[in-house]
Amino acid sequence: LCVRFGRKHPIDYYIWQVGRFPDCEEIIDAAGPAEVPGVDVAADVGANIGACAIPLALLGYRVVAFEPQRVESRMLGGSAAVNGLDRYQFTVLRYLVTNETGQREVVQAHFS
């Protein structure tokens, strides 16, 4: 499902232990397969390591994944490549999405 970040990261650790991330199950079930594969678009804002975004892409959605953190955004790209998804099918944008205007600082999360 995802490139492994290490067992210290809470989302990756859960996926490593259980094989999926429960927060994404309802989203993936509700979306179901894309009606028009490669045309229907899903946006994942705060995509993290791709626990929701990668399965949606594998269901045929063209995914735009927003993840501002450097490490996680690189992992998303790696996960897409490992799953055979090209840049048209799976786009990673390293942007912070917010309802406020102006610049924001993104601090890389560290887990120990």
N, C-alpha and C. Protein backbone atom coordinates (compact mmCIF):
# COMPACT_ATOMS: atom_id res chain seq x y z
N LEU A 1 0.82 -1.21 0.00
CA LEU A 1 0.00 0.00 0.00
C LEU A 1 0.85 1.25 0.00
N CYS A 2 1.81 1.36 0.89
CA CYS A 2 2.60 2.58 1.00
C CYS A 2 4.07 2.24 1.19
N VAL A 3 4.93 3.17 0.82
CA VAL A 3 6.34 3.05 1.13
C VAL A 3 6.46 3.20 2.64
N ARG A 4 7.20 2.33 3.25
CA ARG A 4 7.28 2.35 4.71
C ARG A 4 8.13 3.49 5.23
N PHE A 5 7.61 4.22 6.20
CA PHE A 5 8.27 5.37 6.80
C PHE A 5 9.04 4.94 8.04
N GLY A 6 8.71 3.82 8.57
CA GLY A 6 9.28 3.37 9.85
C GLY A 6 8.16 3.18 10.83
N ARG A 7 8.39 2.34 11.77
CA ARG A 7 7.31 1.98 12.69
C ARG A 7 7.07 3.02 13.77
N LYS A 8 7.81 4.13 13.72
CA LYS A 8 7.60 5.19 14.71
C LYS A 8 6.48 6.14 14.29
N HIS A 9 6.18 6.18 13.02
CA HIS A 9 5.12 7.06 12.53
C HIS A 9 3.77 6.39 12.81
N PRO A 10 2.83 7.07 13.47
CA PRO A 10 1.59 6.41 13.91
C PRO A 10 0.74 5.83 12.78
N ILE A 11 0.64 6.52 11.64
CA ILE A 11 -0.18 5.99 10.55
C ILE A 11 0.49 4.78 9.93
N ASP A 12 1.78 4.91 9.65
CA ASP A 12 2.50 3.78 9.06
C ASP A 12 2.51 2.59 10.01
N TYR A 13 2.68 2.84 11.31
CA TYR A 13 2.69 1.75 12.28
C TYR A 13 1.35 1.01 12.26
N TYR A 14 0.25 1.76 12.18
CA TYR A 14 -1.07 1.12 12.15
C TYR A 14 -1.23 0.28 10.90
N ILE A 15 -0.80 0.82 9.76
CA ILE A 15 -0.88 0.06 8.51
C ILE A 15 -0.02 -1.19 8.60
N TRP A 16 1.16 -1.06 9.17
CA TRP A 16 2.07 -2.20 9.34
C TRP A 16 1.43 -3.27 10.23
N GLN A 17 0.74 -2.86 11.28
CA GLN A 17 0.12 -3.80 12.21
C GLN A 17 -1.16 -4.43 11.67
N VAL A 18 -2.02 -3.62 11.05
CA VAL A 18 -3.37 -4.05 10.69
C VAL A 18 -3.53 -4.30 9.18
N GLY A 19 -2.71 -3.64 8.37
CA GLY A 19 -2.79 -3.84 6.93
C GLY A 19 -3.61 -2.79 6.20
N ARG A 20 -4.19 -1.85 6.93
CA ARG A 20 -5.00 -0.79 6.35
C ARG A 20 -5.14 0.32 7.38
N PHE A 21 -5.68 1.45 6.95
CA PHE A 21 -5.91 2.55 7.88
C PHE A 21 -7.41 2.79 7.97
N PRO A 22 -8.01 2.59 9.14
CA PRO A 22 -9.48 2.62 9.26
C PRO A 22 -10.12 3.94 8.88
N ASP A 23 -9.43 5.06 9.04
CA ASP A 23 -10.02 6.35 8.69
C ASP A 23 -10.35 6.42 7.20
N CYS A 24 -9.65 5.63 6.39
CA CYS A 24 -9.85 5.67 4.94
C CYS A 24 -10.91 4.69 4.45
N GLU A 25 -11.24 3.70 5.24
CA GLU A 25 -12.16 2.66 4.78
C GLU A 25 -13.52 3.21 4.36
N GLU A 26 -14.10 4.10 5.16
CA GLU A 26 -15.41 4.67 4.81
C GLU A 26 -15.33 5.48 3.53
N ILE A 27 -14.27 6.24 3.37
CA ILE A 27 -14.09 7.06 2.18
C ILE A 27 -13.99 6.17 0.95
N ILE A 28 -13.17 5.15 1.03
CA ILE A 28 -12.94 4.25 -0.10
C ILE A 28 -14.21 3.48 -0.43
N ASP A 29 -14.90 2.99 0.59
CA ASP A 29 -16.17 2.27 0.37
C ASP A 29 -17.23 3.18 -0.25
N ALA A 30 -17.32 4.42 0.25
CA ALA A 30 -18.32 5.35 -0.28
C ALA A 30 -18.02 5.74 -1.73
N ALA A 31 -16.75 5.90 -2.05
CA ALA A 31 -16.38 6.28 -3.41
C ALA A 31 -16.62 5.14 -4.39
N GLY A 32 -16.28 3.92 -4.00
CA GLY A 32 -16.40 2.79 -4.92
C GLY A 32 -15.52 2.99 -6.13
N PRO A 33 -15.59 2.10 -7.10
CA PRO A 33 -14.77 2.24 -8.30
C PRO A 33 -15.16 3.50 -9.09
N ALA A 34 -14.18 4.07 -9.78
CA ALA A 34 -14.44 5.24 -10.62
C ALA A 34 -15.42 4.88 -11.72
N GLU A 35 -16.40 5.75 -11.97
CA GLU A 35 -17.36 5.50 -13.06
C GLU A 35 -16.67 5.61 -14.41
N VAL A 36 -15.78 6.59 -14.53
CA VAL A 36 -15.00 6.76 -15.76
C VAL A 36 -13.52 6.75 -15.35
N PRO A 37 -12.91 5.56 -15.33
CA PRO A 37 -11.52 5.46 -14.88
C PRO A 37 -10.59 6.41 -15.63
N GLY A 38 -9.72 7.06 -14.86
CA GLY A 38 -8.77 8.00 -15.43
C GLY A 38 -9.33 9.37 -15.68
N VAL A 39 -10.65 9.53 -15.55
CA VAL A 39 -11.29 10.83 -15.76
C VAL A 39 -11.86 11.35 -14.44
N ASP A 40 -12.53 10.49 -13.68
CA ASP A 40 -13.04 10.89 -12.37
C ASP A 40 -11.86 11.26 -11.48
N VAL A 41 -12.00 12.37 -10.77
CA VAL A 41 -10.89 12.90 -9.96
C VAL A 41 -11.24 12.82 -8.48
N ALA A 42 -10.25 12.43 -7.70
CA ALA A 42 -10.35 12.46 -6.24
C ALA A 42 -9.20 13.31 -5.71
N ALA A 43 -9.50 14.21 -4.78
CA ALA A 43 -8.47 15.02 -4.15
C ALA A 43 -8.30 14.55 -2.72
N ASP A 44 -7.07 14.36 -2.32
CA ASP A 44 -6.76 13.99 -0.94
C ASP A 44 -5.95 15.14 -0.34
N VAL A 45 -6.59 15.91 0.52
CA VAL A 45 -5.95 17.06 1.15
C VAL A 45 -5.37 16.61 2.48
N GLY A 46 -4.07 16.71 2.59
CA GLY A 46 -3.37 16.17 3.75
C GLY A 46 -3.17 14.67 3.57
N ALA A 47 -2.66 14.31 2.41
CA ALA A 47 -2.59 12.90 2.00
C ALA A 47 -1.63 12.05 2.83
N ASN A 48 -0.71 12.68 3.54
CA ASN A 48 0.25 11.97 4.37
C ASN A 48 0.97 10.92 3.54
N ILE A 49 0.96 9.65 3.92
CA ILE A 49 1.71 8.63 3.18
C ILE A 49 0.86 7.91 2.15
N GLY A 50 -0.38 8.33 1.97
CA GLY A 50 -1.20 7.78 0.89
C GLY A 50 -2.16 6.68 1.26
N ALA A 51 -2.48 6.55 2.53
CA ALA A 51 -3.38 5.47 2.97
C ALA A 51 -4.75 5.54 2.31
N CYS A 52 -5.21 6.73 1.98
CA CYS A 52 -6.48 6.90 1.25
C CYS A 52 -6.23 7.10 -0.24
N ALA A 53 -5.22 7.89 -0.58
CA ALA A 53 -4.98 8.28 -1.97
C ALA A 53 -4.61 7.11 -2.86
N ILE A 54 -3.73 6.24 -2.41
CA ILE A 54 -3.29 5.12 -3.25
C ILE A 54 -4.46 4.17 -3.55
N PRO A 55 -5.25 3.74 -2.57
CA PRO A 55 -6.39 2.87 -2.90
C PRO A 55 -7.38 3.54 -3.85
N LEU A 56 -7.61 4.85 -3.71
CA LEU A 56 -8.52 5.54 -4.64
C LEU A 56 -7.96 5.51 -6.06
N ALA A 57 -6.67 5.71 -6.21
CA ALA A 57 -6.05 5.64 -7.53
C ALA A 57 -6.18 4.23 -8.12
N LEU A 58 -6.02 3.23 -7.27
CA LEU A 58 -6.13 1.85 -7.74
C LEU A 58 -7.57 1.49 -8.10
N LEU A 59 -8.54 2.28 -7.61
CA LEU A 59 -9.94 2.10 -8.01
C LEU A 59 -10.26 2.82 -9.32
N GLY A 60 -9.26 3.48 -9.90
CA GLY A 60 -9.45 4.11 -11.19
C GLY A 60 -9.57 5.63 -11.17
N TYR A 61 -9.51 6.23 -9.98
CA TYR A 61 -9.59 7.68 -9.90
C TYR A 61 -8.26 8.31 -10.29
N ARG A 62 -8.35 9.46 -10.93
CA ARG A 62 -7.17 10.30 -11.11
C ARG A 62 -7.05 11.07 -9.80
N VAL A 63 -5.96 10.89 -9.08
CA VAL A 63 -5.81 11.45 -7.74
C VAL A 63 -4.87 12.64 -7.74
N VAL A 64 -5.31 13.70 -7.07
CA VAL A 64 -4.45 14.84 -6.78
C VAL A 64 -4.27 14.83 -5.27
N ALA A 65 -3.03 14.57 -4.84
CA ALA A 65 -2.73 14.43 -3.42
C ALA A 65 -1.96 15.66 -2.94
N PHE A 66 -2.51 16.38 -1.99
CA PHE A 66 -1.85 17.54 -1.40
C PHE A 66 -1.19 17.11 -0.10
N GLU A 67 0.12 17.27 -0.03
CA GLU A 67 0.86 16.95 1.20
C GLU A 67 2.05 17.90 1.31
N PRO A 68 2.01 18.81 2.28
CA PRO A 68 3.07 19.82 2.38
C PRO A 68 4.39 19.32 2.96
N GLN A 69 4.37 18.23 3.68
CA GLN A 69 5.60 17.77 4.31
C GLN A 69 6.50 17.05 3.30
N ARG A 70 7.78 17.40 3.31
CA ARG A 70 8.74 16.91 2.33
C ARG A 70 8.85 15.39 2.32
N VAL A 71 9.05 14.77 3.45
CA VAL A 71 9.25 13.32 3.52
C VAL A 71 8.00 12.59 3.03
N GLU A 72 6.84 12.97 3.54
CA GLU A 72 5.61 12.30 3.17
C GLU A 72 5.28 12.49 1.69
N SER A 73 5.54 13.68 1.15
CA SER A 73 5.25 13.91 -0.27
C SER A 73 6.15 13.04 -1.15
N ARG A 74 7.38 12.83 -0.74
CA ARG A 74 8.27 11.93 -1.48
C ARG A 74 7.80 10.48 -1.38
N MET A 75 7.33 10.12 -0.22
CA MET A 75 6.80 8.75 -0.05
C MET A 75 5.58 8.53 -0.93
N LEU A 76 4.73 9.54 -1.06
CA LEU A 76 3.56 9.43 -1.94
C LEU A 76 3.99 9.13 -3.37
N GLY A 77 4.97 9.87 -3.85
CA GLY A 77 5.47 9.64 -5.21
C GLY A 77 6.03 8.24 -5.37
N GLY A 78 6.77 7.78 -4.37
CA GLY A 78 7.32 6.43 -4.40
C GLY A 78 6.23 5.37 -4.36
N SER A 79 5.22 5.59 -3.55
CA SER A 79 4.10 4.65 -3.46
C SER A 79 3.36 4.56 -4.78
N ALA A 80 3.17 5.71 -5.43
CA ALA A 80 2.50 5.72 -6.72
C ALA A 80 3.31 4.94 -7.75
N ALA A 81 4.62 5.15 -7.77
CA ALA A 81 5.48 4.45 -8.73
C ALA A 81 5.47 2.95 -8.50
N VAL A 82 5.58 2.54 -7.24
CA VAL A 82 5.57 1.10 -6.91
C VAL A 82 4.26 0.45 -7.35
N ASN A 83 3.17 1.21 -7.31
CA ASN A 83 1.86 0.69 -7.70
C ASN A 83 1.56 0.89 -9.19
N GLY A 84 2.55 1.32 -9.96
CA GLY A 84 2.38 1.46 -11.40
C GLY A 84 1.52 2.64 -11.83
N LEU A 85 1.41 3.65 -10.99
CA LEU A 85 0.60 4.83 -11.30
C LEU A 85 1.50 5.91 -11.89
N ASP A 86 1.13 6.42 -13.07
CA ASP A 86 1.94 7.47 -13.67
C ASP A 86 1.55 8.84 -13.10
N ARG A 87 2.26 9.87 -13.52
CA ARG A 87 2.03 11.22 -12.97
C ARG A 87 0.70 11.81 -13.38
N TYR A 88 0.09 11.30 -14.43
CA TYR A 88 -1.25 11.76 -14.80
C TYR A 88 -2.28 11.14 -13.86
N GLN A 89 -2.11 9.86 -13.55
CA GLN A 89 -3.05 9.15 -12.68
C GLN A 89 -2.91 9.59 -11.22
N PHE A 90 -1.71 9.98 -10.83
CA PHE A 90 -1.44 10.29 -9.43
C PHE A 90 -0.48 11.47 -9.36
N THR A 91 -1.01 12.62 -8.95
CA THR A 91 -0.22 13.84 -8.87
C THR A 91 -0.03 14.23 -7.42
N VAL A 92 1.21 14.42 -7.03
CA VAL A 92 1.52 14.89 -5.67
C VAL A 92 1.88 16.36 -5.75
N LEU A 93 1.14 17.17 -4.98
CA LEU A 93 1.43 18.61 -4.90
C LEU A 93 1.86 18.91 -3.47
N ARG A 94 3.06 19.43 -3.34
CA ARG A 94 3.59 19.73 -2.02
C ARG A 94 3.14 21.12 -1.58
N TYR A 95 1.84 21.22 -1.35
CA TYR A 95 1.22 22.48 -0.92
C TYR A 95 0.40 22.25 0.33
N LEU A 96 0.37 23.27 1.16
CA LEU A 96 -0.51 23.29 2.32
C LEU A 96 -1.84 23.87 1.88
N VAL A 97 -2.92 23.17 2.17
CA VAL A 97 -4.26 23.67 1.83
C VAL A 97 -4.91 24.14 3.12
N THR A 98 -5.37 25.38 3.11
CA THR A 98 -5.98 25.97 4.29
C THR A 98 -7.09 26.92 3.87
N ASN A 99 -7.91 27.32 4.80
CA ASN A 99 -8.96 28.29 4.49
C ASN A 99 -8.52 29.71 4.82
N GLU A 100 -7.24 29.91 5.07
CA GLU A 100 -6.70 31.23 5.38
C GLU A 100 -5.75 31.66 4.27
N THR A 101 -5.62 32.96 4.09
CA THR A 101 -4.69 33.47 3.08
C THR A 101 -3.35 33.78 3.74
N GLY A 102 -2.34 33.93 2.90
CA GLY A 102 -1.01 34.27 3.39
C GLY A 102 -0.10 33.06 3.47
N GLN A 103 1.14 33.34 3.79
CA GLN A 103 2.13 32.27 3.88
C GLN A 103 2.05 31.57 5.23
N ARG A 104 2.34 30.29 5.20
CA ARG A 104 2.39 29.47 6.42
C ARG A 104 3.68 28.69 6.40
N GLU A 105 4.21 28.42 7.56
CA GLU A 105 5.39 27.57 7.68
C GLU A 105 4.94 26.14 7.92
N VAL A 106 5.52 25.21 7.19
CA VAL A 106 5.24 23.79 7.39
C VAL A 106 6.45 23.19 8.08
N VAL A 107 6.22 22.62 9.24
CA VAL A 107 7.29 22.00 10.00
C VAL A 107 7.19 20.48 9.81
N GLN A 108 8.31 19.88 9.42
CA GLN A 108 8.35 18.43 9.22
C GLN A 108 8.11 17.74 10.56
N ALA A 109 7.13 16.85 10.60
CA ALA A 109 6.83 16.11 11.82
C ALA A 109 7.92 15.07 12.06
N HIS A 110 8.28 14.88 13.31
CA HIS A 110 9.26 13.86 13.68
C HIS A 110 8.65 12.99 14.76
N PHE A 111 8.81 11.71 14.61
CA PHE A 111 8.27 10.77 15.59
C PHE A 111 9.42 9.93 16.13
N SER A 112 9.41 9.69 17.43
CA SER A 112 10.46 8.85 18.00
C SER A 112 9.88 7.81 18.91
